[in-house]
Amino acid sequence: MRFTALYPDGREEQLLWVPQYTFNRQRKNTIDQPELIPAGTTMLVEGTFNNSTKNAANSAPGEPVRWVDQRWEEMFIGCIAFRLISNN
């Protein structure tokens, strides 16, 4: 799972990368230093599913992976907490 900021000026910055994501790590990941994110920034959240027979945690290799609400099925959601700072 990866979070990337796409800034209004065209720059991109990777904010968070979890290379070995597991179900038990989904509770909370945080960055070391807070980032100032300008207005107009787009947040891109990317992730992949290992739906192969090589994934010991996969109970149904070859089945389509869809987003669902239940924790015993696959889900993919990225949440970000922001604190607004006024320039006034």
PDB file of N, CA and C in Angstrom:
ATOM      1  N   MET A   1       0.852  -1.170   0.000  1.00  0.00           N
ATOM      2  CA  MET A   1       0.000   0.000   0.000  1.00  0.00           C
ATOM      3  C   MET A   1       0.896   1.230   0.000  1.00  0.00           C
ATOM      4  N   ARG A   2       0.516   2.216  -0.802  1.00  0.00           N
ATOM      5  CA  ARG A   2       1.320   3.426  -0.952  1.00  0.00           C
ATOM      6  C   ARG A   2       0.401   4.647  -1.003  1.00  0.00           C
ATOM      7  N   PHE A   3       0.811   5.730  -0.325  1.00  0.00           N
ATOM      8  CA  PHE A   3       0.113   7.009  -0.360  1.00  0.00           C
ATOM      9  C   PHE A   3       1.044   8.031  -1.009  1.00  0.00           C
ATOM     10  N   THR A   4       0.565   8.697  -2.063  1.00  0.00           N
ATOM     11  CA  THR A   4       1.365   9.693  -2.764  1.00  0.00           C
ATOM     12  C   THR A   4       0.580  10.991  -2.852  1.00  0.00           C
ATOM     13  N   ALA A   5       1.253  12.113  -2.545  1.00  0.00           N
ATOM     14  CA  ALA A   5       0.644  13.439  -2.695  1.00  0.00           C
ATOM     15  C   ALA A   5       0.959  13.940  -4.101  1.00  0.00           C
ATOM     16  N   LEU A   6      -0.075  14.346  -4.842  1.00  0.00           N
ATOM     17  CA  LEU A   6       0.077  14.953  -6.164  1.00  0.00           C
ATOM     18  C   LEU A   6      -0.228  16.438  -5.994  1.00  0.00           C
ATOM     19  N   TYR A   7       0.823  17.240  -5.910  1.00  0.00           N
ATOM     20  CA  TYR A   7       0.682  18.659  -5.591  1.00  0.00           C
ATOM     21  C   TYR A   7       0.186  19.462  -6.788  1.00  0.00           C
ATOM     22  N   PRO A   8      -0.459  20.603  -6.532  1.00  0.00           N
ATOM     23  CA  PRO A   8      -0.991  21.448  -7.617  1.00  0.00           C
ATOM     24  C   PRO A   8       0.086  21.920  -8.598  1.00  0.00           C
ATOM     25  N   ASP A   9       1.346  22.023  -8.144  1.00  0.00           N
ATOM     26  CA  ASP A   9       2.419  22.489  -9.035  1.00  0.00           C
ATOM     27  C   ASP A   9       3.017  21.357  -9.888  1.00  0.00           C
ATOM     28  N   GLY A  10       2.433  20.142  -9.805  1.00  0.00           N
ATOM     29  CA  GLY A  10       2.897  19.026 -10.617  1.00  0.00           C
ATOM     30  C   GLY A  10       3.860  18.074  -9.925  1.00  0.00           C
ATOM     31  N   ARG A  11       4.365  18.470  -8.769  1.00  0.00           N
ATOM     32  CA  ARG A  11       5.269  17.581  -8.028  1.00  0.00           C
ATOM     33  C   ARG A  11       4.500  16.411  -7.433  1.00  0.00           C
ATOM     34  N   GLU A  12       5.212  15.305  -7.215  1.00  0.00           N
ATOM     35  CA  GLU A  12       4.659  14.136  -6.527  1.00  0.00           C
ATOM     36  C   GLU A  12       5.575  13.801  -5.355  1.00  0.00           C
ATOM     37  N   GLU A  13       4.981  13.377  -4.245  1.00  0.00           N
ATOM     38  CA  GLU A  13       5.770  12.976  -3.078  1.00  0.00           C
ATOM     39  C   GLU A  13       5.136  11.746  -2.435  1.00  0.00           C
ATOM     40  N   GLN A  14       5.933  10.706  -2.271  1.00  0.00           N
ATOM     41  CA  GLN A  14       5.457   9.504  -1.587  1.00  0.00           C
ATOM     42  C   GLN A  14       5.458   9.790  -0.090  1.00  0.00           C
ATOM     43  N   LEU A  15       4.296   9.694   0.547  1.00  0.00           N
ATOM     44  CA  LEU A  15       4.162  10.005   1.966  1.00  0.00           C
ATOM     45  C   LEU A  15       4.247   8.762   2.844  1.00  0.00           C
ATOM     46  N   LEU A  16       3.718   7.647   2.361  1.00  0.00           N
ATOM     47  CA  LEU A  16       3.715   6.422   3.155  1.00  0.00           C
ATOM     48  C   LEU A  16       3.782   5.235   2.215  1.00  0.00           C
ATOM     49  N   TRP A  17       4.641   4.272   2.545  1.00  0.00           N
ATOM     50  CA  TRP A  17       4.761   3.048   1.753  1.00  0.00           C
ATOM     51  C   TRP A  17       4.845   1.883   2.720  1.00  0.00           C
ATOM     52  N   VAL A  18       3.970   0.927   2.570  1.00  0.00           N
ATOM     53  CA  VAL A  18       3.951  -0.276   3.409  1.00  0.00           C
ATOM     54  C   VAL A  18       4.227  -1.450   2.467  1.00  0.00           C
ATOM     55  N   PRO A  19       5.513  -1.828   2.307  1.00  0.00           N
ATOM     56  CA  PRO A  19       5.870  -2.834   1.296  1.00  0.00           C
ATOM     57  C   PRO A  19       5.414  -4.254   1.630  1.00  0.00           C
ATOM     58  N   GLN A  20       5.334  -4.606   2.876  1.00  0.00           N
ATOM     59  CA  GLN A  20       4.941  -5.969   3.272  1.00  0.00           C
ATOM     60  C   GLN A  20       3.660  -5.909   4.082  1.00  0.00           C
ATOM     61  N   TYR A  21       2.602  -5.387   3.462  1.00  0.00           N
ATOM     62  CA  TYR A  21       1.319  -5.235   4.146  1.00  0.00           C
ATOM     63  C   TYR A  21       0.765  -6.595   4.556  1.00  0.00           C
ATOM     64  N   THR A  22       0.260  -6.658   5.764  1.00  0.00           N
ATOM     65  CA  THR A  22      -0.469  -7.832   6.234  1.00  0.00           C
ATOM     66  C   THR A  22      -1.740  -7.345   6.923  1.00  0.00           C
ATOM     67  N   PHE A  23      -2.702  -8.221   7.048  1.00  0.00           N
ATOM     68  CA  PHE A  23      -3.977  -7.871   7.668  1.00  0.00           C
ATOM     69  C   PHE A  23      -3.778  -7.249   9.049  1.00  0.00           C
ATOM     70  N   ASN A  24      -2.868  -7.792   9.838  1.00  0.00           N
ATOM     71  CA  ASN A  24      -2.680  -7.322  11.204  1.00  0.00           C
ATOM     72  C   ASN A  24      -1.997  -5.963  11.294  1.00  0.00           C
ATOM     73  N   ARG A  25      -1.474  -5.438  10.173  1.00  0.00           N
ATOM     74  CA  ARG A  25      -0.852  -4.115  10.178  1.00  0.00           C
ATOM     75  C   ARG A  25      -1.808  -3.024   9.756  1.00  0.00           C
ATOM     76  N   GLN A  26      -3.046  -3.350   9.492  1.00  0.00           N
ATOM     77  CA  GLN A  26      -3.952  -2.347   8.943  1.00  0.00           C
ATOM     78  C   GLN A  26      -4.511  -1.389   9.984  1.00  0.00           C
ATOM     79  N   ARG A  27      -4.241  -1.616  11.225  1.00  0.00           N
ATOM     80  CA  ARG A  27      -4.802  -0.753  12.265  1.00  0.00           C
ATOM     81  C   ARG A  27      -4.381   0.705  12.099  1.00  0.00           C
ATOM     82  N   LYS A  28      -3.048   0.948  12.023  1.00  0.00           N
ATOM     83  CA  LYS A  28      -2.587   2.325  11.964  1.00  0.00           C
ATOM     84  C   LYS A  28      -1.139   2.364  11.527  1.00  0.00           C
ATOM     85  N   ASN A  29      -0.853   3.162  10.530  1.00  0.00           N
ATOM     86  CA  ASN A  29       0.503   3.480  10.120  1.00  0.00           C
ATOM     87  C   ASN A  29       0.590   4.992  10.110  1.00  0.00           C
ATOM     88  N   THR A  30       1.701   5.530  10.608  1.00  0.00           N
ATOM     89  CA  THR A  30       1.851   6.978  10.656  1.00  0.00           C
ATOM     90  C   THR A  30       3.189   7.376  10.061  1.00  0.00           C
ATOM     91  N   ILE A  31       3.255   8.621   9.609  1.00  0.00           N
ATOM     92  CA  ILE A  31       4.515   9.155   9.113  1.00  0.00           C
ATOM     93  C   ILE A  31       5.277   9.760  10.283  1.00  0.00           C
ATOM     94  N   ASP A  32       6.607   9.849  10.151  1.00  0.00           N
ATOM     95  CA  ASP A  32       7.446  10.353  11.242  1.00  0.00           C
ATOM     96  C   ASP A  32       7.241  11.839  11.510  1.00  0.00           C
ATOM     97  N   GLN A  33       7.143  12.631  10.457  1.00  0.00           N
ATOM     98  CA  GLN A  33       6.980  14.071  10.604  1.00  0.00           C
ATOM     99  C   GLN A  33       5.699  14.501   9.887  1.00  0.00           C
ATOM    100  N   PRO A  34       4.907  15.376  10.508  1.00  0.00           N
ATOM    101  CA  PRO A  34       3.713  15.887   9.817  1.00  0.00           C
ATOM    102  C   PRO A  34       4.109  16.608   8.527  1.00  0.00           C
ATOM    103  N   GLU A  35       3.284  16.498   7.512  1.00  0.00           N
ATOM    104  CA  GLU A  35       3.516  17.158   6.227  1.00  0.00           C
ATOM    105  C   GLU A  35       2.536  18.315   6.080  1.00  0.00           C
ATOM    106  N   LEU A  36       3.010  19.415   5.517  1.00  0.00           N
ATOM    107  CA  LEU A  36       2.111  20.505   5.152  1.00  0.00           C
ATOM    108  C   LEU A  36       1.632  20.224   3.732  1.00  0.00           C
ATOM    109  N   ILE A  37       0.342  20.013   3.591  1.00  0.00           N
ATOM    110  CA  ILE A  37      -0.256  19.656   2.311  1.00  0.00           C
ATOM    111  C   ILE A  37      -1.042  20.866   1.805  1.00  0.00           C
ATOM    112  N   PRO A  38      -0.621  21.467   0.690  1.00  0.00           N
ATOM    113  CA  PRO A  38      -1.324  22.660   0.208  1.00  0.00           C
ATOM    114  C   PRO A  38      -2.707  22.334  -0.350  1.00  0.00           C
ATOM    115  N   ALA A  39      -3.584  23.326  -0.312  1.00  0.00           N
ATOM    116  CA  ALA A  39      -4.913  23.181  -0.906  1.00  0.00           C
ATOM    117  C   ALA A  39      -4.764  22.805  -2.372  1.00  0.00           C
ATOM    118  N   GLY A  40      -5.654  21.953  -2.862  1.00  0.00           N
ATOM    119  CA  GLY A  40      -5.621  21.530  -4.250  1.00  0.00           C
ATOM    120  C   GLY A  40      -4.807  20.272  -4.491  1.00  0.00           C
ATOM    121  N   THR A  41      -4.214  19.729  -3.435  1.00  0.00           N
ATOM    122  CA  THR A  41      -3.436  18.502  -3.552  1.00  0.00           C
ATOM    123  C   THR A  41      -4.369  17.301  -3.688  1.00  0.00           C
ATOM    124  N   THR A  42      -4.013  16.363  -4.551  1.00  0.00           N
ATOM    125  CA  THR A  42      -4.736  15.109  -4.703  1.00  0.00           C
ATOM    126  C   THR A  42      -3.933  14.016  -4.002  1.00  0.00           C
ATOM    127  N   MET A  43      -4.609  13.195  -3.224  1.00  0.00           N
ATOM    128  CA  MET A  43      -3.950  12.072  -2.566  1.00  0.00           C
ATOM    129  C   MET A  43      -4.236  10.809  -3.369  1.00  0.00           C
ATOM    130  N   LEU A  44      -3.177  10.114  -3.790  1.00  0.00           N
ATOM    131  CA  LEU A  44      -3.296   8.880  -4.553  1.00  0.00           C
ATOM    132  C   LEU A  44      -2.969   7.722  -3.615  1.00  0.00           C
ATOM    133  N   VAL A  45      -3.888   6.764  -3.501  1.00  0.00           N
ATOM    134  CA  VAL A  45      -3.683   5.581  -2.672  1.00  0.00           C
ATOM    135  C   VAL A  45      -3.659   4.369  -3.598  1.00  0.00           C
ATOM    136  N   GLU A  46      -2.573   3.601  -3.541  1.00  0.00           N
ATOM    137  CA  GLU A  46      -2.412   2.433  -4.409  1.00  0.00           C
ATOM    138  C   GLU A  46      -2.131   1.205  -3.563  1.00  0.00           C
ATOM    139  N   GLY A  47      -2.568   0.067  -4.043  1.00  0.00           N
ATOM    140  CA  GLY A  47      -2.287  -1.183  -3.349  1.00  0.00           C
ATOM    141  C   GLY A  47      -2.474  -2.352  -4.291  1.00  0.00           C
ATOM    142  N   THR A  48      -1.951  -3.480  -3.911  1.00  0.00           N
ATOM    143  CA  THR A  48      -2.113  -4.692  -4.708  1.00  0.00           C
ATOM    144  C   THR A  48      -2.546  -5.833  -3.802  1.00  0.00           C
ATOM    145  N   PHE A  49      -3.192  -6.806  -4.396  1.00  0.00           N
ATOM    146  CA  PHE A  49      -3.593  -8.019  -3.697  1.00  0.00           C
ATOM    147  C   PHE A  49      -2.810  -9.185  -4.290  1.00  0.00           C
ATOM    148  N   ASN A  50      -2.327 -10.080  -3.453  1.00  0.00           N
ATOM    149  CA  ASN A  50      -1.697 -11.307  -3.923  1.00  0.00           C
ATOM    150  C   ASN A  50      -2.763 -12.394  -3.908  1.00  0.00           C
ATOM    151  N   ASN A  51      -3.363 -12.630  -5.056  1.00  0.00           N
ATOM    152  CA  ASN A  51      -4.444 -13.600  -5.155  1.00  0.00           C
ATOM    153  C   ASN A  51      -3.938 -14.919  -5.743  1.00  0.00           C
ATOM    154  N   SER A  52      -2.676 -15.229  -5.493  1.00  0.00           N
ATOM    155  CA  SER A  52      -2.083 -16.426  -6.087  1.00  0.00           C
ATOM    156  C   SER A  52      -2.077 -17.595  -5.098  1.00  0.00           C
ATOM    157  N   THR A  53      -1.725 -18.747  -5.621  1.00  0.00           N
ATOM    158  CA  THR A  53      -1.586 -19.937  -4.770  1.00  0.00           C
ATOM    159  C   THR A  53      -0.358 -19.843  -3.875  1.00  0.00           C
ATOM    160  N   LYS A  54       0.564 -18.910  -4.165  1.00  0.00           N
ATOM    161  CA  LYS A  54       1.767 -18.728  -3.340  1.00  0.00           C
ATOM    162  C   LYS A  54       1.479 -17.952  -2.055  1.00  0.00           C
ATOM    163  N   ASN A  55       0.296 -17.379  -1.934  1.00  0.00           N
ATOM    164  CA  ASN A  55      -0.105 -16.626  -0.750  1.00  0.00           C
ATOM    165  C   ASN A  55      -0.804 -17.580   0.221  1.00  0.00           C
ATOM    166  N   ALA A  56      -0.101 -17.946   1.290  1.00  0.00           N
ATOM    167  CA  ALA A  56      -0.653 -18.905   2.258  1.00  0.00           C
ATOM    168  C   ALA A  56      -1.926 -18.392   2.937  1.00  0.00           C
ATOM    169  N   ALA A  57      -2.105 -17.074   2.997  1.00  0.00           N
ATOM    170  CA  ALA A  57      -3.289 -16.498   3.646  1.00  0.00           C
ATOM    171  C   ALA A  57      -4.487 -16.420   2.701  1.00  0.00           C
ATOM    172  N   ASN A  58      -4.310 -16.782   1.447  1.00  0.00           N
ATOM    173  CA  ASN A  58      -5.398 -16.696   0.464  1.00  0.00           C
ATOM    174  C   ASN A  58      -6.196 -17.985   0.477  1.00  0.00           C
ATOM    175  N   SER A  59      -7.451 -17.884   0.863  1.00  0.00           N
ATOM    176  CA  SER A  59      -8.299 -19.082   0.951  1.00  0.00           C
ATOM    177  C   SER A  59      -8.977 -19.437  -0.375  1.00  0.00           C
ATOM    178  N   ALA A  60      -8.897 -18.544  -1.372  1.00  0.00           N
ATOM    179  CA  ALA A  60      -9.579 -18.800  -2.647  1.00  0.00           C
ATOM    180  C   ALA A  60      -8.746 -18.299  -3.824  1.00  0.00           C
ATOM    181  N   PRO A  61      -7.587 -18.911  -4.102  1.00  0.00           N
ATOM    182  CA  PRO A  61      -6.767 -18.452  -5.230  1.00  0.00           C
ATOM    183  C   PRO A  61      -7.554 -18.500  -6.535  1.00  0.00           C
ATOM    184  N   GLY A  62      -7.351 -17.493  -7.363  1.00  0.00           N
ATOM    185  CA  GLY A  62      -8.019 -17.450  -8.648  1.00  0.00           C
ATOM    186  C   GLY A  62      -9.374 -16.778  -8.633  1.00  0.00           C
ATOM    187  N   GLU A  63      -9.959 -16.592  -7.472  1.00  0.00           N
ATOM    188  CA  GLU A  63     -11.256 -15.912  -7.381  1.00  0.00           C
ATOM    189  C   GLU A  63     -11.041 -14.408  -7.532  1.00  0.00           C
ATOM    190  N   PRO A  64     -11.985 -13.700  -8.144  1.00  0.00           N
ATOM    191  CA  PRO A  64     -11.864 -12.243  -8.261  1.00  0.00           C
ATOM    192  C   PRO A  64     -11.792 -11.584  -6.873  1.00  0.00           C
ATOM    193  N   VAL A  65     -10.992 -10.534  -6.773  1.00  0.00           N
ATOM    194  CA  VAL A  65     -10.892  -9.772  -5.525  1.00  0.00           C
ATOM    195  C   VAL A  65     -11.755  -8.537  -5.666  1.00  0.00           C
ATOM    196  N   ARG A  66     -12.718  -8.384  -4.768  1.00  0.00           N
ATOM    197  CA  ARG A  66     -13.613  -7.233  -4.782  1.00  0.00           C
ATOM    198  C   ARG A  66     -13.598  -6.567  -3.416  1.00  0.00           C
ATOM    199  N   TRP A  67     -13.919  -5.275  -3.391  1.00  0.00           N
ATOM    200  CA  TRP A  67     -14.009  -4.579  -2.121  1.00  0.00           C
ATOM    201  C   TRP A  67     -15.289  -4.991  -1.418  1.00  0.00           C
ATOM    202  N   VAL A  68     -15.169  -5.286  -0.126  1.00  0.00           N
ATOM    203  CA  VAL A  68     -16.325  -5.631   0.707  1.00  0.00           C
ATOM    204  C   VAL A  68     -16.139  -5.024   2.087  1.00  0.00           C
ATOM    205  N   ASP A  69     -17.183  -5.004   2.880  1.00  0.00           N
ATOM    206  CA  ASP A  69     -17.123  -4.438   4.231  1.00  0.00           C
ATOM    207  C   ASP A  69     -16.624  -5.418   5.285  1.00  0.00           C
ATOM    208  N   GLN A  70     -16.597  -6.687   4.982  1.00  0.00           N
ATOM    209  CA  GLN A  70     -16.315  -7.685   6.013  1.00  0.00           C
ATOM    210  C   GLN A  70     -14.816  -7.965   6.137  1.00  0.00           C
ATOM    211  N   ARG A  71     -14.314  -8.035   7.349  1.00  0.00           N
ATOM    212  CA  ARG A  71     -12.888  -8.236   7.552  1.00  0.00           C
ATOM    213  C   ARG A  71     -12.412  -9.619   7.141  1.00  0.00           C
ATOM    214  N   TRP A  72     -13.305 -10.603   7.058  1.00  0.00           N
ATOM    215  CA  TRP A  72     -12.877 -11.941   6.649  1.00  0.00           C
ATOM    216  C   TRP A  72     -12.793 -12.062   5.125  1.00  0.00           C
ATOM    217  N   GLU A  73     -13.226 -11.027   4.422  1.00  0.00           N
ATOM    218  CA  GLU A  73     -13.067 -10.972   2.976  1.00  0.00           C
ATOM    219  C   GLU A  73     -12.062  -9.852   2.675  1.00  0.00           C
ATOM    220  N   GLU A  74     -11.670  -9.710   1.435  1.00  0.00           N
ATOM    221  CA  GLU A  74     -10.716  -8.663   1.099  1.00  0.00           C
ATOM    222  C   GLU A  74     -11.381  -7.300   1.125  1.00  0.00           C
ATOM    223  N   MET A  75     -10.613  -6.316   1.517  1.00  0.00           N
ATOM    224  CA  MET A  75     -11.075  -4.944   1.484  1.00  0.00           C
ATOM    225  C   MET A  75      -9.864  -4.069   1.186  1.00  0.00           C
ATOM    226  N   PHE A  76     -10.102  -2.903   0.676  1.00  0.00           N
ATOM    227  CA  PHE A  76      -9.027  -1.962   0.411  1.00  0.00           C
ATOM    228  C   PHE A  76      -9.577  -0.572   0.645  1.00  0.00           C
ATOM    229  N   ILE A  77      -9.005   0.095   1.624  1.00  0.00           N
ATOM    230  CA  ILE A  77      -9.429   1.464   1.905  1.00  0.00           C
ATOM    231  C   ILE A  77      -8.247   2.187   2.538  1.00  0.00           C
ATOM    232  N   GLY A  78      -8.033   3.396   2.120  1.00  0.00           N
ATOM    233  CA  GLY A  78      -6.979   4.214   2.698  1.00  0.00           C
ATOM    234  C   GLY A  78      -7.592   5.429   3.353  1.00  0.00           C
ATOM    235  N   CYS A  79      -7.345   5.618   4.615  1.00  0.00           N
ATOM    236  CA  CYS A  79      -7.878   6.759   5.357  1.00  0.00           C
ATOM    237  C   CYS A  79      -6.737   7.686   5.751  1.00  0.00           C
ATOM    238  N   ILE A  80      -6.993   8.967   5.669  1.00  0.00           N
ATOM    239  CA  ILE A  80      -5.995   9.976   6.012  1.00  0.00           C
ATOM    240  C   ILE A  80      -6.637  10.970   6.965  1.00  0.00           C
ATOM    241  N   ALA A  81      -5.919  11.322   8.023  1.00  0.00           N
ATOM    242  CA  ALA A  81      -6.401  12.338   8.962  1.00  0.00           C
ATOM    243  C   ALA A  81      -5.667  13.646   8.675  1.00  0.00           C
ATOM    244  N   PHE A  82      -6.426  14.738   8.537  1.00  0.00           N
ATOM    245  CA  PHE A  82      -5.858  16.060   8.286  1.00  0.00           C
ATOM    246  C   PHE A  82      -6.210  16.998   9.426  1.00  0.00           C
ATOM    247  N   ARG A  83      -5.319  17.923   9.713  1.00  0.00           N
ATOM    248  CA  ARG A  83      -5.597  19.025  10.633  1.00  0.00           C
ATOM    249  C   ARG A  83      -5.468  20.314   9.828  1.00  0.00           C
ATOM    250  N   LEU A  84      -6.502  21.092   9.759  1.00  0.00           N
ATOM    251  CA  LEU A  84      -6.495  22.330   8.983  1.00  0.00           C
ATOM    252  C   LEU A  84      -5.722  23.419   9.710  1.00  0.00           C
ATOM    253  N   ILE A  85      -4.882  24.115   8.956  1.00  0.00           N
ATOM    254  CA  ILE A  85      -4.116  25.237   9.486  1.00  0.00           C
ATOM    255  C   ILE A  85      -4.484  26.468   8.668  1.00  0.00           C
ATOM    256  N   SER A  86      -4.938  27.511   9.330  1.00  0.00           N
ATOM    257  CA  SER A  86      -5.353  28.728   8.648  1.00  0.00           C
ATOM    258  C   SER A  86      -4.173  29.676   8.503  1.00  0.00           C
ATOM    259  N   ASN A  87      -4.111  30.375   7.378  1.00  0.00           N
ATOM    260  CA  ASN A  87      -3.086  31.389   7.158  1.00  0.00           C
ATOM    261  C   ASN A  87      -3.524  32.768   7.659  1.00  0.00           C
ATOM    262  N   ASN A  88      -4.743  32.855   8.196  1.00  0.00           N
ATOM    263  CA  ASN A  88      -5.270  34.162   8.631  1.00  0.00           C
ATOM    264  C   ASN A  88      -4.737  34.545   9.967  1.00  0.00           C
TER     265      ASN A  88
END
